[in-house]
Amino acid sequence: MKITDKINLTEELTELIEDGYGGSAEFTKILDLGIEMLFYVEQEAFTQREVQQVVSALKGIIGVLRG
C-alpha cells in the first residue's frame, strides 16, 4: 500500500469518527463496549441500542478499510 493510500484511509477514518461519533473519545467508548460485549453477551446484558452502536462503528471501520 502506498503512503498516499494510507494517508487517505487515515483521513477517511478520522472523518468517520468525527462525523459519526463526535470525536475519538466517544468512538473509543463504543468500541470498548463492543469488546466488553464479547465477554458478557447474554440476554438483557446490553440494550439493543448499545449493540446497534457497536455494530455501526465496526461496519464504518470496515467500510473505510475496504475502500
N, C-alpha and C. Protein backbone atom coordinates (compact mmCIF):
# COMPACT_ATOMS: atom_id res chain seq x y z
N MET A 1 0.85 -1.18 0.00
CA MET A 1 0.00 0.00 0.00
C MET A 1 0.89 1.24 0.00
N LYS A 2 0.56 2.16 -0.88
CA LYS A 2 1.33 3.39 -0.99
C LYS A 2 1.03 4.32 0.20
N ILE A 3 1.96 5.19 0.48
CA ILE A 3 1.81 6.14 1.59
C ILE A 3 0.59 7.04 1.38
N THR A 4 0.31 7.42 0.13
CA THR A 4 -0.86 8.27 -0.13
C THR A 4 -2.15 7.52 0.17
N ASP A 5 -2.18 6.22 -0.09
CA ASP A 5 -3.36 5.41 0.24
C ASP A 5 -3.56 5.35 1.75
N LYS A 6 -2.47 5.20 2.49
CA LYS A 6 -2.55 5.16 3.95
C LYS A 6 -3.04 6.49 4.50
N ILE A 7 -2.56 7.57 3.93
CA ILE A 7 -2.99 8.90 4.37
C ILE A 7 -4.49 9.07 4.10
N ASN A 8 -4.95 8.65 2.92
CA ASN A 8 -6.38 8.76 2.59
C ASN A 8 -7.23 7.93 3.55
N LEU A 9 -6.79 6.71 3.87
CA LEU A 9 -7.52 5.88 4.82
C LEU A 9 -7.60 6.54 6.19
N THR A 10 -6.50 7.12 6.61
CA THR A 10 -6.47 7.80 7.90
C THR A 10 -7.42 8.98 7.91
N GLU A 11 -7.43 9.75 6.84
CA GLU A 11 -8.34 10.90 6.75
C GLU A 11 -9.80 10.45 6.74
N GLU A 12 -10.10 9.39 6.01
CA GLU A 12 -11.47 8.88 5.96
C GLU A 12 -11.92 8.36 7.32
N LEU A 13 -11.04 7.66 7.98
CA LEU A 13 -11.37 7.12 9.30
C LEU A 13 -11.57 8.25 10.31
N THR A 14 -10.72 9.25 10.24
CA THR A 14 -10.87 10.42 11.12
C THR A 14 -12.20 11.12 10.87
N GLU A 15 -12.56 11.28 9.61
CA GLU A 15 -13.84 11.91 9.25
C GLU A 15 -15.02 11.08 9.76
N LEU A 16 -14.94 9.77 9.58
CA LEU A 16 -15.98 8.87 10.06
C LEU A 16 -16.17 9.02 11.57
N ILE A 17 -15.08 9.04 12.29
CA ILE A 17 -15.14 9.13 13.75
C ILE A 17 -15.73 10.46 14.18
N GLU A 18 -15.28 11.54 13.59
CA GLU A 18 -15.76 12.86 14.00
C GLU A 18 -17.20 13.11 13.58
N ASP A 19 -17.55 12.72 12.35
CA ASP A 19 -18.92 12.95 11.87
C ASP A 19 -19.92 12.02 12.55
N GLY A 20 -19.55 10.79 12.74
CA GLY A 20 -20.48 9.80 13.26
C GLY A 20 -20.57 9.74 14.77
N TYR A 21 -19.48 10.13 15.44
CA TYR A 21 -19.42 9.93 16.90
C TYR A 21 -18.98 11.16 17.67
N GLY A 22 -18.70 12.25 17.00
CA GLY A 22 -18.35 13.48 17.68
C GLY A 22 -16.90 13.57 18.11
N GLY A 23 -16.15 12.52 17.94
CA GLY A 23 -14.75 12.53 18.30
C GLY A 23 -14.27 11.17 18.75
N SER A 24 -12.97 11.09 18.92
CA SER A 24 -12.37 9.79 19.22
C SER A 24 -12.74 9.27 20.61
N ALA A 25 -13.01 10.15 21.56
CA ALA A 25 -13.36 9.69 22.91
C ALA A 25 -14.66 8.89 22.91
N GLU A 26 -15.68 9.40 22.25
CA GLU A 26 -16.96 8.70 22.19
C GLU A 26 -16.85 7.42 21.35
N PHE A 27 -16.12 7.50 20.26
CA PHE A 27 -15.90 6.33 19.41
C PHE A 27 -15.18 5.22 20.20
N THR A 28 -14.20 5.61 20.97
CA THR A 28 -13.46 4.65 21.80
C THR A 28 -14.37 3.99 22.82
N LYS A 29 -15.27 4.76 23.41
CA LYS A 29 -16.23 4.19 24.37
C LYS A 29 -17.07 3.11 23.72
N ILE A 30 -17.53 3.37 22.50
CA ILE A 30 -18.38 2.41 21.80
C ILE A 30 -17.58 1.14 21.47
N LEU A 31 -16.35 1.31 21.01
CA LEU A 31 -15.53 0.13 20.72
C LEU A 31 -15.20 -0.65 21.98
N ASP A 32 -14.92 0.04 23.07
CA ASP A 32 -14.69 -0.64 24.35
C ASP A 32 -15.92 -1.44 24.78
N LEU A 33 -17.09 -0.86 24.57
CA LEU A 33 -18.33 -1.57 24.88
C LEU A 33 -18.44 -2.83 24.03
N GLY A 34 -18.05 -2.73 22.77
CA GLY A 34 -18.07 -3.90 21.90
C GLY A 34 -17.16 -5.01 22.40
N ILE A 35 -16.00 -4.66 22.86
CA ILE A 35 -15.08 -5.66 23.42
C ILE A 35 -15.68 -6.27 24.67
N GLU A 36 -16.26 -5.45 25.52
CA GLU A 36 -16.90 -5.95 26.74
C GLU A 36 -18.03 -6.90 26.40
N MET A 37 -18.79 -6.60 25.36
CA MET A 37 -19.90 -7.45 24.95
C MET A 37 -19.43 -8.86 24.61
N LEU A 38 -18.26 -8.96 24.04
CA LEU A 38 -17.75 -10.29 23.68
C LEU A 38 -17.58 -11.18 24.91
N PHE A 39 -17.33 -10.58 26.06
CA PHE A 39 -17.15 -11.34 27.28
C PHE A 39 -18.46 -11.62 28.02
N TYR A 40 -19.43 -10.74 27.87
CA TYR A 40 -20.62 -10.81 28.71
C TYR A 40 -21.93 -10.95 27.95
N VAL A 41 -21.87 -11.38 26.71
CA VAL A 41 -23.09 -11.45 25.93
C VAL A 41 -24.04 -12.49 26.52
N GLU A 42 -25.16 -12.02 26.93
CA GLU A 42 -26.27 -12.85 27.39
C GLU A 42 -27.52 -11.98 27.29
N GLN A 43 -28.64 -12.61 27.29
CA GLN A 43 -29.88 -11.86 27.14
C GLN A 43 -30.01 -10.81 28.24
N GLU A 44 -30.41 -9.61 27.86
CA GLU A 44 -30.65 -8.48 28.77
C GLU A 44 -29.37 -7.84 29.31
N ALA A 45 -28.19 -8.26 28.86
CA ALA A 45 -26.94 -7.67 29.34
C ALA A 45 -26.74 -6.25 28.79
N PHE A 46 -27.14 -6.03 27.54
CA PHE A 46 -26.98 -4.74 26.90
C PHE A 46 -28.29 -4.39 26.20
N THR A 47 -28.51 -3.09 26.03
CA THR A 47 -29.70 -2.68 25.30
C THR A 47 -29.50 -2.91 23.81
N GLN A 48 -30.59 -2.99 23.09
CA GLN A 48 -30.50 -3.16 21.64
C GLN A 48 -29.75 -1.98 21.03
N ARG A 49 -29.98 -0.80 21.55
CA ARG A 49 -29.32 0.41 21.03
C ARG A 49 -27.80 0.32 21.22
N GLU A 50 -27.34 -0.16 22.36
CA GLU A 50 -25.90 -0.30 22.60
C GLU A 50 -25.27 -1.26 21.59
N VAL A 51 -25.94 -2.36 21.35
CA VAL A 51 -25.44 -3.34 20.38
C VAL A 51 -25.41 -2.71 18.99
N GLN A 52 -26.45 -1.98 18.62
CA GLN A 52 -26.51 -1.34 17.31
C GLN A 52 -25.39 -0.30 17.14
N GLN A 53 -25.07 0.44 18.19
CA GLN A 53 -23.98 1.42 18.11
C GLN A 53 -22.65 0.74 17.82
N VAL A 54 -22.41 -0.37 18.49
CA VAL A 54 -21.15 -1.09 18.28
C VAL A 54 -21.09 -1.65 16.85
N VAL A 55 -22.18 -2.23 16.40
CA VAL A 55 -22.22 -2.78 15.04
C VAL A 55 -21.99 -1.67 14.02
N SER A 56 -22.62 -0.52 14.20
CA SER A 56 -22.44 0.60 13.28
C SER A 56 -20.99 1.07 13.24
N ALA A 57 -20.38 1.15 14.40
CA ALA A 57 -18.98 1.58 14.47
C ALA A 57 -18.07 0.61 13.74
N LEU A 58 -18.26 -0.67 13.97
CA LEU A 58 -17.42 -1.67 13.33
C LEU A 58 -17.67 -1.70 11.81
N LYS A 59 -18.92 -1.57 11.38
CA LYS A 59 -19.22 -1.53 9.95
C LYS A 59 -18.58 -0.31 9.29
N GLY A 60 -18.59 0.80 9.99
CA GLY A 60 -17.97 2.01 9.46
C GLY A 60 -16.47 1.84 9.24
N ILE A 61 -15.81 1.25 10.21
CA ILE A 61 -14.37 0.99 10.08
C ILE A 61 -14.11 0.05 8.91
N ILE A 62 -14.89 -1.02 8.83
CA ILE A 62 -14.72 -1.98 7.74
C ILE A 62 -14.92 -1.30 6.39
N GLY A 63 -15.94 -0.46 6.29
CA GLY A 63 -16.18 0.25 5.04
C GLY A 63 -15.02 1.12 4.62
N VAL A 64 -14.44 1.83 5.56
CA VAL A 64 -13.28 2.69 5.25
C VAL A 64 -12.09 1.83 4.86
N LEU A 65 -11.84 0.78 5.59
CA LEU A 65 -10.68 -0.05 5.31
C LEU A 65 -10.80 -0.79 3.97
N ARG A 66 -12.01 -1.15 3.60
CA ARG A 66 -12.21 -1.82 2.32
C ARG A 66 -12.12 -0.85 1.15
N GLY A 67 -12.35 0.43 1.44
CA GLY A 67 -12.26 1.46 0.42
C GLY A 67 -13.44 1.43 -0.46
